[in-house]
Amino acid sequence: MDAVSELKRLGLSGYEAKVYVALVAAGEPLVGYEVAKRSGVPRSTVYETLSKLVARSVAYEVRADSDQVAYIPAPPKTLFSRIRDETEEAIENLRSTLDNVTPKATVHYSHTLPSRDDILGRCRDLIVSASTDLLLIAFPEELAPLEPPLRRAYSSGVDVFVAGFGADGEQSYGQAFSHATAPADELAEDTGCRLFVLVADRQELVVAGFTDDGAWGAFTDDPAIVMMASEFARIDISIQEFIKRHAVEHVPQWRLESEAIRNMIRGGSRKPVSILRRLNGGRETSVTDGEIAGRTPENRKRRTPSEPRQTPGKKTNR
């Protein structure tokens, strides 16, 4: 890691960062020309840079044995603590000021998230800015990179509820609920992807689908859509907790016993996923009706026009 680059991110100029690193590395007071030699900062500029650091208490003037003015750095721990305190104070002041000048939203936004990085980055934004609660439905592959910001949000007082797919695991933040309706791989097969839903403060939403070779999703703050997603997450979590507390058995078998339910689950979920992928510019995957229903076109029973349909999903003219 480049210390100079990181110090620049904290607000120091390039020359200031180089001078500070040189002072820390020296381990003893340095006079101006020594600082210039060790830091690579031009001698004509180094004294001005040192004066700026002294003014900000990033460095201090001391008297060397020869009665020359020399310089020592503020201890890194002291500097970082000060920067953290000043940054947090500035953020709080800005939050209060901007809240007072921000008008009530009259326009709501939705936009696509065409890649895994875009989706997870937007999710981190929502998690960091959350103030009341977070509802999350995710597979382990997507939950893992979001755990650090989720943990920080929980530590700051945000309620975190996670419905996870796959094996039960220990979670050091919020409340975790494991899906008991079917194995994770079967659920992913039903939807054609690893389903992902994140609702922040019941006001913002990211919904997405992940596969081994791609991802696609969308963000919105439209109240109607967010409300629907919130209710979906709340009901989903409630169902999993009910199953767990009441030791409901044979739930996976129930999903497979009825062909009508099997067709509804697989046929009704793969199509929206296909549409969402296409809207995000992804490669369209053709799924036939027979494949959706778990049957091939060759062994699918043919029906005459007069024969009543035996499976749900009947099309009607509206």
C-alpha atoms as a PDB file:
ATOM      1  CA  MET A   1       0.000   0.000   0.000  1.00  0.00           C
ATOM      2  CA  ASP A   2       1.314   3.447  -0.941  1.00  0.00           C
ATOM      3  CA  ALA A   3       1.281   5.645   2.192  1.00  0.00           C
ATOM      4  CA  VAL A   4       1.516   8.852   0.162  1.00  0.00           C
ATOM      5  CA  SER A   5      -1.551   7.979  -1.906  1.00  0.00           C
ATOM      6  CA  GLU A   6      -3.558   7.084   1.196  1.00  0.00           C
ATOM      7  CA  LEU A   7      -2.576  10.342   2.937  1.00  0.00           C
ATOM      8  CA  LYS A   8      -3.722  12.264  -0.141  1.00  0.00           C
ATOM      9  CA  ARG A   9      -7.104  10.567   0.220  1.00  0.00           C
ATOM     10  CA  LEU A  10      -7.218  11.946   3.771  1.00  0.00           C
ATOM     11  CA  GLY A  11      -6.762  15.511   2.538  1.00  0.00           C
ATOM     12  CA  LEU A  12      -3.018  16.114   2.361  1.00  0.00           C
ATOM     13  CA  SER A  13      -1.472  17.434  -0.841  1.00  0.00           C
ATOM     14  CA  GLY A  14       1.127  15.361  -2.652  1.00  0.00           C
ATOM     15  CA  TYR A  15       4.042  17.357  -1.243  1.00  0.00           C
ATOM     16  CA  GLU A  16       2.548  17.374   2.260  1.00  0.00           C
ATOM     17  CA  ALA A  17       2.114  13.606   2.183  1.00  0.00           C
ATOM     18  CA  LYS A  18       5.695  13.042   1.012  1.00  0.00           C
ATOM     19  CA  VAL A  19       7.088  15.341   3.698  1.00  0.00           C
ATOM     20  CA  TYR A  20       5.046  13.694   6.441  1.00  0.00           C
ATOM     21  CA  VAL A  21       6.152  10.184   5.387  1.00  0.00           C
ATOM     22  CA  ALA A  22       9.782  11.343   5.338  1.00  0.00           C
ATOM     23  CA  LEU A  23       9.463  12.771   8.862  1.00  0.00           C
ATOM     24  CA  VAL A  24       7.868   9.580  10.188  1.00  0.00           C
ATOM     25  CA  ALA A  25      10.498   7.386   8.528  1.00  0.00           C
ATOM     26  CA  ALA A  26      13.379   9.467   9.888  1.00  0.00           C
ATOM     27  CA  GLY A  27      12.679   8.751  13.544  1.00  0.00           C
ATOM     28  CA  GLU A  28      14.481  11.965  14.546  1.00  0.00           C
ATOM     29  CA  PRO A  29      14.142  15.715  13.950  1.00  0.00           C
ATOM     30  CA  LEU A  30      15.066  16.848  10.447  1.00  0.00           C
ATOM     31  CA  VAL A  31      16.054  20.311   9.246  1.00  0.00           C
ATOM     32  CA  GLY A  32      14.544  21.652   6.056  1.00  0.00           C
ATOM     33  CA  TYR A  33      17.189  20.584   3.549  1.00  0.00           C
ATOM     34  CA  GLU A  34      17.215  17.051   5.007  1.00  0.00           C
ATOM     35  CA  VAL A  35      13.455  16.858   4.603  1.00  0.00           C
ATOM     36  CA  ALA A  36      13.802  17.935   0.969  1.00  0.00           C
ATOM     37  CA  LYS A  37      16.500  15.336   0.346  1.00  0.00           C
ATOM     38  CA  ARG A  38      14.566  12.456   1.934  1.00  0.00           C
ATOM     39  CA  SER A  39      11.113  13.327   0.606  1.00  0.00           C
ATOM     40  CA  GLY A  40      12.025  14.340  -2.927  1.00  0.00           C
ATOM     41  CA  VAL A  41      10.150  17.623  -2.512  1.00  0.00           C
ATOM     42  CA  PRO A  42      12.037  20.528  -4.153  1.00  0.00           C
ATOM     43  CA  ARG A  43      14.052  22.561  -1.656  1.00  0.00           C
ATOM     44  CA  SER A  44      12.402  25.756  -2.923  1.00  0.00           C
ATOM     45  CA  THR A  45       9.026  24.318  -1.881  1.00  0.00           C
ATOM     46  CA  VAL A  46       9.786  22.224   1.188  1.00  0.00           C
ATOM     47  CA  TYR A  47       9.759  25.123   3.705  1.00  0.00           C
ATOM     48  CA  GLU A  48       6.351  26.307   2.532  1.00  0.00           C
ATOM     49  CA  THR A  49       5.071  22.735   2.779  1.00  0.00           C
ATOM     50  CA  LEU A  50       6.506  22.334   6.285  1.00  0.00           C
ATOM     51  CA  SER A  51       4.856  25.596   7.373  1.00  0.00           C
ATOM     52  CA  LYS A  52       1.485  24.314   6.183  1.00  0.00           C
ATOM     53  CA  LEU A  53       1.937  21.052   8.088  1.00  0.00           C
ATOM     54  CA  VAL A  54       2.929  22.959  11.245  1.00  0.00           C
ATOM     55  CA  ALA A  55      -0.131  25.207  10.904  1.00  0.00           C
ATOM     56  CA  ARG A  56      -2.353  22.112  10.773  1.00  0.00           C
ATOM     57  CA  SER A  57      -0.472  20.397  13.673  1.00  0.00           C
ATOM     58  CA  VAL A  58       0.561  17.601  11.341  1.00  0.00           C
ATOM     59  CA  ALA A  59       4.206  18.454  12.118  1.00  0.00           C
ATOM     60  CA  TYR A  60       5.955  20.419  14.892  1.00  0.00           C
ATOM     61  CA  GLU A  61       8.978  22.711  15.025  1.00  0.00           C
ATOM     62  CA  VAL A  62      11.784  21.846  17.445  1.00  0.00           C
ATOM     63  CA  ARG A  63      15.268  23.203  18.046  1.00  0.00           C
ATOM     64  CA  ALA A  64      18.144  21.034  16.892  1.00  0.00           C
ATOM     65  CA  ASP A  65      21.526  20.900  18.639  1.00  0.00           C
ATOM     66  CA  SER A  66      22.864  23.520  16.269  1.00  0.00           C
ATOM     67  CA  ASP A  67      19.978  25.798  17.241  1.00  0.00           C
ATOM     68  CA  GLN A  68      18.505  25.309  13.788  1.00  0.00           C
ATOM     69  CA  VAL A  69      14.789  24.817  13.385  1.00  0.00           C
ATOM     70  CA  ALA A  70      14.019  21.150  12.815  1.00  0.00           C
ATOM     71  CA  TYR A  71      10.786  19.260  12.349  1.00  0.00           C
ATOM     72  CA  ILE A  72       9.118  16.167  13.784  1.00  0.00           C
ATOM     73  CA  PRO A  73       5.799  14.563  12.720  1.00  0.00           C
ATOM     74  CA  ALA A  74       2.643  14.307  14.742  1.00  0.00           C
ATOM     75  CA  PRO A  75       2.402  10.632  15.820  1.00  0.00           C
ATOM     76  CA  PRO A  76       0.365   8.717  13.213  1.00  0.00           C
ATOM     77  CA  LYS A  77      -2.160   7.518  15.804  1.00  0.00           C
ATOM     78  CA  THR A  78      -2.733  11.086  16.950  1.00  0.00           C
ATOM     79  CA  LEU A  79      -3.071  12.346  13.384  1.00  0.00           C
ATOM     80  CA  PHE A  80      -5.530   9.632  12.345  1.00  0.00           C
ATOM     81  CA  SER A  81      -7.645  10.120  15.463  1.00  0.00           C
ATOM     82  CA  ARG A  82      -7.810  13.843  14.793  1.00  0.00           C
ATOM     83  CA  ILE A  83      -8.721  13.337  11.129  1.00  0.00           C
ATOM     84  CA  ARG A  84     -11.431  10.847  12.094  1.00  0.00           C
ATOM     85  CA  ASP A  85     -12.944  13.227  14.651  1.00  0.00           C
ATOM     86  CA  GLU A  86     -12.842  16.173  12.261  1.00  0.00           C
ATOM     87  CA  THR A  87     -14.341  14.122   9.426  1.00  0.00           C
ATOM     88  CA  GLU A  88     -17.171  12.757  11.562  1.00  0.00           C
ATOM     89  CA  GLU A  89     -17.944  16.259  12.845  1.00  0.00           C
ATOM     90  CA  ALA A  90     -17.978  17.628   9.287  1.00  0.00           C
ATOM     91  CA  ILE A  91     -20.272  14.810   8.133  1.00  0.00           C
ATOM     92  CA  GLU A  92     -22.732  15.438  10.959  1.00  0.00           C
ATOM     93  CA  ASN A  93     -22.761  19.176  10.261  1.00  0.00           C
ATOM     94  CA  LEU A  94     -23.295  18.542   6.546  1.00  0.00           C
ATOM     95  CA  ARG A  95     -26.056  16.026   7.186  1.00  0.00           C
ATOM     96  CA  SER A  96     -27.937  18.505   9.350  1.00  0.00           C
ATOM     97  CA  THR A  97     -27.384  21.392   6.930  1.00  0.00           C
ATOM     98  CA  LEU A  98     -28.342  19.462   3.806  1.00  0.00           C
ATOM     99  CA  ASP A  99     -31.405  17.927   5.472  1.00  0.00           C
ATOM    100  CA  ASN A 100     -32.660  21.436   6.153  1.00  0.00           C
ATOM    101  CA  VAL A 101     -32.270  22.574   2.539  1.00  0.00           C
ATOM    102  CA  THR A 102     -33.375  19.360   0.819  1.00  0.00           C
ATOM    103  CA  PRO A 103     -36.986  19.613  -0.412  1.00  0.00           C
ATOM    104  CA  LYS A 104     -39.406  16.753   0.028  1.00  0.00           C
ATOM    105  CA  ALA A 105     -39.026  14.305  -2.857  1.00  0.00           C
ATOM    106  CA  THR A 106     -41.650  14.687  -5.545  1.00  0.00           C
ATOM    107  CA  VAL A 107     -39.889  12.613  -8.209  1.00  0.00           C
ATOM    108  CA  HIS A 108     -38.793   9.029  -7.670  1.00  0.00           C
ATOM    109  CA  TYR A 109     -36.025   7.320  -9.544  1.00  0.00           C
ATOM    110  CA  SER A 110     -35.343   3.882 -10.944  1.00  0.00           C
ATOM    111  CA  HIS A 111     -32.274   2.737 -12.853  1.00  0.00           C
ATOM    112  CA  THR A 112     -30.709  -0.512 -13.958  1.00  0.00           C
ATOM    113  CA  LEU A 113     -27.587  -2.056 -12.452  1.00  0.00           C
ATOM    114  CA  PRO A 114     -25.915  -4.017 -15.256  1.00  0.00           C
ATOM    115  CA  SER A 115     -23.054  -5.729 -13.407  1.00  0.00           C
ATOM    116  CA  ARG A 116     -22.166  -7.435 -10.131  1.00  0.00           C
ATOM    117  CA  ASP A 117     -19.921  -4.536  -9.111  1.00  0.00           C
ATOM    118  CA  ASP A 118     -22.684  -2.020  -9.849  1.00  0.00           C
ATOM    119  CA  ILE A 119     -25.195  -3.985  -7.794  1.00  0.00           C
ATOM    120  CA  LEU A 120     -22.982  -4.566  -4.772  1.00  0.00           C
ATOM    121  CA  GLY A 121     -21.693  -0.981  -4.884  1.00  0.00           C
ATOM    122  CA  ARG A 122     -25.244   0.400  -4.838  1.00  0.00           C
ATOM    123  CA  CYS A 123     -26.078  -1.956  -1.975  1.00  0.00           C
ATOM    124  CA  ARG A 124     -23.145  -0.662   0.051  1.00  0.00           C
ATOM    125  CA  ASP A 125     -24.452   2.878  -0.482  1.00  0.00           C
ATOM    126  CA  LEU A 126     -27.872   1.891   0.841  1.00  0.00           C
ATOM    127  CA  ILE A 127     -26.434   0.035   3.825  1.00  0.00           C
ATOM    128  CA  VAL A 128     -24.137   2.891   4.832  1.00  0.00           C
ATOM    129  CA  SER A 129     -26.925   5.476   4.618  1.00  0.00           C
ATOM    130  CA  ALA A 130     -29.576   3.362   6.399  1.00  0.00           C
ATOM    131  CA  SER A 131     -30.825   4.767   9.699  1.00  0.00           C
ATOM    132  CA  THR A 132     -33.628   2.443  10.836  1.00  0.00           C
ATOM    133  CA  ASP A 133     -33.660  -1.037   9.283  1.00  0.00           C
ATOM    134  CA  LEU A 134     -32.387  -3.273   6.509  1.00  0.00           C
ATOM    135  CA  LEU A 135     -34.238  -6.245   5.025  1.00  0.00           C
ATOM    136  CA  LEU A 136     -32.058  -8.558   2.981  1.00  0.00           C
ATOM    137  CA  ILE A 137     -32.694 -11.772   1.037  1.00  0.00           C
ATOM    138  CA  ALA A 138     -29.488 -13.200  -0.401  1.00  0.00           C
ATOM    139  CA  PHE A 139     -27.399 -16.233  -1.226  1.00  0.00           C
ATOM    140  CA  PRO A 140     -24.005 -16.664   0.534  1.00  0.00           C
ATOM    141  CA  GLU A 141     -22.064 -15.573  -2.565  1.00  0.00           C
ATOM    142  CA  GLU A 142     -23.617 -12.093  -2.419  1.00  0.00           C
ATOM    143  CA  LEU A 143     -24.005 -11.834   1.347  1.00  0.00           C
ATOM    144  CA  ALA A 144     -20.294 -12.310   2.094  1.00  0.00           C
ATOM    145  CA  PRO A 145     -18.976  -9.081   0.474  1.00  0.00           C
ATOM    146  CA  LEU A 146     -21.730  -7.062   2.195  1.00  0.00           C
ATOM    147  CA  GLU A 147     -21.035  -8.346   5.706  1.00  0.00           C
ATOM    148  CA  PRO A 148     -18.560  -5.592   6.744  1.00  0.00           C
ATOM    149  CA  PRO A 149     -20.961  -2.683   6.035  1.00  0.00           C
ATOM    150  CA  LEU A 150     -23.875  -4.700   7.472  1.00  0.00           C
ATOM    151  CA  ARG A 151     -21.903  -5.250  10.659  1.00  0.00           C
ATOM    152  CA  ARG A 152     -21.104  -1.544  10.935  1.00  0.00           C
ATOM    153  CA  ALA A 153     -24.737  -0.617  10.313  1.00  0.00           C
ATOM    154  CA  TYR A 154     -25.890  -2.991  13.038  1.00  0.00           C
ATOM    155  CA  SER A 155     -23.286  -1.602  15.458  1.00  0.00           C
ATOM    156  CA  SER A 156     -24.616   1.901  14.810  1.00  0.00           C
ATOM    157  CA  GLY A 157     -28.160   0.901  15.825  1.00  0.00           C
ATOM    158  CA  VAL A 158     -29.719  -0.171  12.510  1.00  0.00           C
ATOM    159  CA  ASP A 159     -31.964  -3.255  12.721  1.00  0.00           C
ATOM    160  CA  VAL A 160     -30.714  -5.900  10.288  1.00  0.00           C
ATOM    161  CA  PHE A 161     -32.830  -8.844   9.118  1.00  0.00           C
ATOM    162  CA  VAL A 162     -31.273 -11.373   6.740  1.00  0.00           C
ATOM    163  CA  ALA A 163     -33.062 -14.283   5.064  1.00  0.00           C
ATOM    164  CA  GLY A 164     -30.289 -16.452   3.690  1.00  0.00           C
ATOM    165  CA  PHE A 165     -30.261 -19.371   1.288  1.00  0.00           C
ATOM    166  CA  GLY A 166     -28.125 -22.378   2.068  1.00  0.00           C
ATOM    167  CA  ALA A 167     -26.773 -23.871   5.272  1.00  0.00           C
ATOM    168  CA  ASP A 168     -27.312 -22.173   8.612  1.00  0.00           C
ATOM    169  CA  GLY A 169     -24.396 -20.040   9.719  1.00  0.00           C
ATOM    170  CA  GLU A 170     -23.422 -17.877  12.656  1.00  0.00           C
ATOM    171  CA  GLN A 171     -24.062 -14.195  12.145  1.00  0.00           C
ATOM    172  CA  SER A 172     -22.564 -11.520  14.374  1.00  0.00           C
ATOM    173  CA  TYR A 173     -25.011  -8.833  13.337  1.00  0.00           C
ATOM    174  CA  GLY A 174     -28.788  -8.552  13.304  1.00  0.00           C
ATOM    175  CA  GLN A 175     -31.186 -11.482  12.987  1.00  0.00           C
ATOM    176  CA  ALA A 176     -30.619 -14.318  10.531  1.00  0.00           C
ATOM    177  CA  PHE A 177     -33.275 -16.579   9.035  1.00  0.00           C
ATOM    178  CA  SER A 178     -32.449 -19.596   6.896  1.00  0.00           C
ATOM    179  CA  HIS A 179     -34.703 -20.713   4.043  1.00  0.00           C
ATOM    180  CA  ALA A 180     -36.298 -24.058   4.830  1.00  0.00           C
ATOM    181  CA  THR A 181     -38.587 -24.391   1.823  1.00  0.00           C
ATOM    182  CA  ALA A 182     -36.015 -26.022  -0.456  1.00  0.00           C
ATOM    183  CA  PRO A 183     -32.259 -26.535  -0.929  1.00  0.00           C
ATOM    184  CA  ALA A 184     -30.397 -23.457  -2.163  1.00  0.00           C
ATOM    185  CA  ASP A 185     -29.435 -24.987  -5.508  1.00  0.00           C
ATOM    186  CA  GLU A 186     -33.044 -25.949  -6.190  1.00  0.00           C
ATOM    187  CA  LEU A 187     -34.285 -22.447  -5.355  1.00  0.00           C
ATOM    188  CA  ALA A 188     -31.685 -20.953  -7.699  1.00  0.00           C
ATOM    189  CA  GLU A 189     -32.783 -23.348 -10.434  1.00  0.00           C
ATOM    190  CA  ASP A 190     -36.431 -22.394  -9.940  1.00  0.00           C
ATOM    191  CA  THR A 191     -35.752 -18.693 -10.445  1.00  0.00           C
ATOM    192  CA  GLY A 192     -32.974 -19.084 -13.006  1.00  0.00           C
ATOM    193  CA  CYS A 193     -30.606 -17.092 -10.777  1.00  0.00           C
ATOM    194  CA  ARG A 194     -29.565 -16.403  -7.206  1.00  0.00           C
ATOM    195  CA  LEU A 195     -32.311 -14.039  -6.074  1.00  0.00           C
ATOM    196  CA  PHE A 196     -31.303 -10.878  -4.204  1.00  0.00           C
ATOM    197  CA  VAL A 197     -33.455  -8.252  -2.480  1.00  0.00           C
ATOM    198  CA  LEU A 198     -32.284  -5.373  -0.269  1.00  0.00           C
ATOM    199  CA  VAL A 199     -34.698  -2.861   1.263  1.00  0.00           C
ATOM    200  CA  ALA A 200     -33.238   0.080   3.193  1.00  0.00           C
ATOM    201  CA  ASP A 201     -35.388   2.043   5.663  1.00  0.00           C
ATOM    202  CA  ARG A 202     -38.468   0.877   3.711  1.00  0.00           C
ATOM    203  CA  GLN A 203     -37.589   3.694   1.277  1.00  0.00           C
ATOM    204  CA  GLU A 204     -35.010   2.339  -1.189  1.00  0.00           C
ATOM    205  CA  LEU A 205     -34.707  -0.982  -2.963  1.00  0.00           C
ATOM    206  CA  VAL A 206     -32.192  -3.045  -4.907  1.00  0.00           C
ATOM    207  CA  VAL A 207     -33.482  -6.218  -6.542  1.00  0.00           C
ATOM    208  CA  ALA A 208     -31.144  -8.402  -8.564  1.00  0.00           C
ATOM    209  CA  GLY A 209     -30.334 -11.789  -9.986  1.00  0.00           C
ATOM    210  CA  PHE A 210     -26.877 -13.391 -10.012  1.00  0.00           C
ATOM    211  CA  THR A 211     -25.528 -16.296 -12.023  1.00  0.00           C
ATOM    212  CA  ASP A 212     -22.055 -17.771 -12.321  1.00  0.00           C
ATOM    213  CA  ASP A 213     -21.446 -15.783 -15.505  1.00  0.00           C
ATOM    214  CA  GLY A 214     -23.308 -12.537 -14.929  1.00  0.00           C
ATOM    215  CA  ALA A 215     -25.632 -10.347 -12.893  1.00  0.00           C
ATOM    216  CA  TRP A 216     -28.429  -7.875 -13.526  1.00  0.00           C
ATOM    217  CA  GLY A 217     -30.526  -5.739 -11.243  1.00  0.00           C
ATOM    218  CA  ALA A 218     -32.291  -2.462 -10.592  1.00  0.00           C
ATOM    219  CA  PHE A 219     -32.587   0.287  -7.986  1.00  0.00           C
ATOM    220  CA  THR A 220     -35.700   2.270  -7.166  1.00  0.00           C
ATOM    221  CA  ASP A 221     -37.098   4.558  -4.501  1.00  0.00           C
ATOM    222  CA  ASP A 222     -40.627   4.410  -5.880  1.00  0.00           C
ATOM    223  CA  PRO A 223     -42.801   3.992  -2.743  1.00  0.00           C
ATOM    224  CA  ALA A 224     -45.209   1.509  -4.309  1.00  0.00           C
ATOM    225  CA  ILE A 225     -42.470  -0.817  -5.541  1.00  0.00           C
ATOM    226  CA  VAL A 226     -40.489  -0.499  -2.313  1.00  0.00           C
ATOM    227  CA  MET A 227     -43.613  -1.309  -0.284  1.00  0.00           C
ATOM    228  CA  MET A 228     -44.231  -4.454  -2.338  1.00  0.00           C
ATOM    229  CA  ALA A 229     -40.623  -5.587  -1.900  1.00  0.00           C
ATOM    230  CA  SER A 230     -40.735  -4.822   1.823  1.00  0.00           C
ATOM    231  CA  GLU A 231     -43.862  -6.930   2.233  1.00  0.00           C
ATOM    232  CA  PHE A 232     -42.310  -9.715   0.154  1.00  0.00           C
ATOM    233  CA  ALA A 233     -39.211  -9.724   2.384  1.00  0.00           C
ATOM    234  CA  ARG A 234     -41.249  -9.464   5.590  1.00  0.00           C
ATOM    235  CA  ILE A 235     -43.580 -12.312   4.625  1.00  0.00           C
ATOM    236  CA  ASP A 236     -40.702 -14.449   3.371  1.00  0.00           C
ATOM    237  CA  ILE A 237     -38.838 -14.022   6.655  1.00  0.00           C
ATOM    238  CA  SER A 238     -42.023 -14.711   8.650  1.00  0.00           C
ATOM    239  CA  ILE A 239     -42.667 -17.933   6.747  1.00  0.00           C
ATOM    240  CA  GLN A 240     -39.139 -19.214   7.358  1.00  0.00           C
ATOM    241  CA  GLU A 241     -39.400 -18.431  11.067  1.00  0.00           C
ATOM    242  CA  PHE A 242     -42.809 -20.127  11.278  1.00  0.00           C
ATOM    243  CA  ILE A 243     -41.420 -23.262   9.642  1.00  0.00           C
ATOM    244  CA  LYS A 244     -38.465 -23.279  12.010  1.00  0.00           C
ATOM    245  CA  ARG A 245     -40.439 -22.681  15.217  1.00  0.00           C
ATOM    246  CA  HIS A 246     -43.200 -25.147  14.461  1.00  0.00           C
ATOM    247  CA  ALA A 247     -40.954 -27.828  13.002  1.00  0.00           C
ATOM    248  CA  VAL A 248     -42.987 -28.026   9.807  1.00  0.00           C
ATOM    249  CA  GLU A 249     -41.807 -31.078   7.888  1.00  0.00           C
ATOM    250  CA  HIS A 250     -41.953 -32.111   4.266  1.00  0.00           C
ATOM    251  CA  VAL A 251     -41.948 -28.565   2.916  1.00  0.00           C
ATOM    252  CA  PRO A 252     -39.514 -29.419   0.080  1.00  0.00           C
ATOM    253  CA  GLN A 253     -41.625 -32.463  -0.840  1.00  0.00           C
ATOM    254  CA  TRP A 254     -44.763 -30.321  -0.902  1.00  0.00           C
ATOM    255  CA  ARG A 255     -43.190 -28.140  -3.573  1.00  0.00           C
ATOM    256  CA  LEU A 256     -42.570 -31.178  -5.767  1.00  0.00           C
ATOM    257  CA  GLU A 257     -45.681 -33.271  -5.185  1.00  0.00           C
ATOM    258  CA  SER A 258     -48.004 -30.996  -7.115  1.00  0.00           C
ATOM    259  CA  GLU A 259     -47.266 -30.533 -10.808  1.00  0.00           C
ATOM    260  CA  ALA A 260     -49.412 -27.391 -10.800  1.00  0.00           C
ATOM    261  CA  ILE A 261     -47.345 -25.815  -8.018  1.00  0.00           C
ATOM    262  CA  ARG A 262     -44.119 -26.964  -9.675  1.00  0.00           C
ATOM    263  CA  ASN A 263     -45.140 -25.338 -12.961  1.00  0.00           C
ATOM    264  CA  MET A 264     -46.209 -22.156 -11.180  1.00  0.00           C
ATOM    265  CA  ILE A 265     -42.909 -21.875  -9.297  1.00  0.00           C
ATOM    266  CA  ARG A 266     -40.658 -22.536 -12.256  1.00  0.00           C
ATOM    267  CA  GLY A 267     -42.733 -21.059 -15.041  1.00  0.00           C
ATOM    268  CA  GLY A 268     -43.742 -17.948 -13.145  1.00  0.00           C
ATOM    269  CA  SER A 269     -40.278 -16.930 -12.020  1.00  0.00           C
ATOM    270  CA  ARG A 270     -37.955 -17.680 -14.893  1.00  0.00           C
ATOM    271  CA  LYS A 271     -39.793 -15.400 -17.323  1.00  0.00           C
ATOM    272  CA  PRO A 272     -39.406 -12.159 -15.295  1.00  0.00           C
ATOM    273  CA  VAL A 273     -35.736 -13.003 -14.740  1.00  0.00           C
ATOM    274  CA  SER A 274     -35.317 -13.379 -18.500  1.00  0.00           C
ATOM    275  CA  ILE A 275     -36.961  -9.989 -19.063  1.00  0.00           C
ATOM    276  CA  LEU A 276     -34.822  -8.299 -16.401  1.00  0.00           C
ATOM    277  CA  ARG A 277     -31.665  -9.709 -17.952  1.00  0.00           C
ATOM    278  CA  ARG A 278     -32.678  -8.416 -21.371  1.00  0.00           C
ATOM    279  CA  LEU A 279     -33.454  -4.927 -20.014  1.00  0.00           C
ATOM    280  CA  ASN A 280     -29.973  -4.797 -18.544  1.00  0.00           C
ATOM    281  CA  GLY A 281     -28.361  -5.632 -21.852  1.00  0.00           C
ATOM    282  CA  GLY A 282     -27.484  -9.166 -20.867  1.00  0.00           C
ATOM    283  CA  ARG A 283     -27.544 -12.229 -23.081  1.00  0.00           C
ATOM    284  CA  GLU A 284     -31.048 -13.585 -23.491  1.00  0.00           C
ATOM    285  CA  THR A 285     -31.470 -17.219 -22.536  1.00  0.00           C
ATOM    286  CA  SER A 286     -34.208 -19.087 -24.350  1.00  0.00           C
ATOM    287  CA  VAL A 287     -36.336 -21.225 -22.035  1.00  0.00           C
ATOM    288  CA  THR A 288     -39.102 -23.253 -23.604  1.00  0.00           C
ATOM    289  CA  ASP A 289     -42.420 -23.910 -21.898  1.00  0.00           C
ATOM    290  CA  GLY A 290     -41.508 -27.558 -21.620  1.00  0.00           C
ATOM    291  CA  GLU A 291     -38.199 -26.787 -19.919  1.00  0.00           C
ATOM    292  CA  ILE A 292     -39.876 -24.376 -17.519  1.00  0.00           C
ATOM    293  CA  ALA A 293     -42.345 -27.045 -16.488  1.00  0.00           C
ATOM    294  CA  GLY A 294     -39.588 -29.592 -16.011  1.00  0.00           C
ATOM    295  CA  ARG A 295     -40.633 -31.501 -19.139  1.00  0.00           C
ATOM    296  CA  THR A 296     -39.263 -31.632 -22.663  1.00  0.00           C
ATOM    297  CA  PRO A 297     -41.384 -30.805 -25.729  1.00  0.00           C
ATOM    298  CA  GLU A 298     -41.116 -34.423 -26.883  1.00  0.00           C
ATOM    299  CA  ASN A 299     -42.753 -35.972 -23.807  1.00  0.00           C
ATOM    300  CA  ARG A 300     -45.190 -33.145 -23.174  1.00  0.00           C
ATOM    301  CA  LYS A 301     -48.792 -34.353 -23.573  1.00  0.00           C
ATOM    302  CA  ARG A 302     -50.551 -32.885 -26.604  1.00  0.00           C
ATOM    303  CA  ARG A 303     -54.022 -31.394 -26.144  1.00  0.00           C
ATOM    304  CA  THR A 304     -56.783 -31.073 -28.693  1.00  0.00           C
ATOM    305  CA  PRO A 305     -58.561 -27.701 -29.001  1.00  0.00           C
ATOM    306  CA  SER A 306     -61.641 -29.114 -27.283  1.00  0.00           C
ATOM    307  CA  GLU A 307     -59.761 -30.731 -24.438  1.00  0.00           C
ATOM    308  CA  PRO A 308     -59.696 -28.670 -21.187  1.00  0.00           C
ATOM    309  CA  ARG A 309     -56.292 -27.504 -19.964  1.00  0.00           C
ATOM    310  CA  GLN A 310     -55.085 -29.426 -16.909  1.00  0.00           C
ATOM    311  CA  THR A 311     -52.342 -27.094 -15.683  1.00  0.00           C
ATOM    312  CA  PRO A 312     -52.556 -23.582 -14.234  1.00  0.00           C
ATOM    313  CA  GLY A 313     -51.444 -20.472 -16.012  1.00  0.00           C
ATOM    314  CA  LYS A 314     -54.342 -20.518 -18.486  1.00  0.00           C
ATOM    315  CA  LYS A 315     -54.214 -17.613 -20.892  1.00  0.00           C
ATOM    316  CA  THR A 316     -57.352 -15.544 -21.218  1.00  0.00           C
ATOM    317  CA  ASN A 317     -58.275 -12.784 -23.608  1.00  0.00           C
ATOM    318  CA  ARG A 318     -58.608  -9.471 -21.829  1.00  0.00           C
END
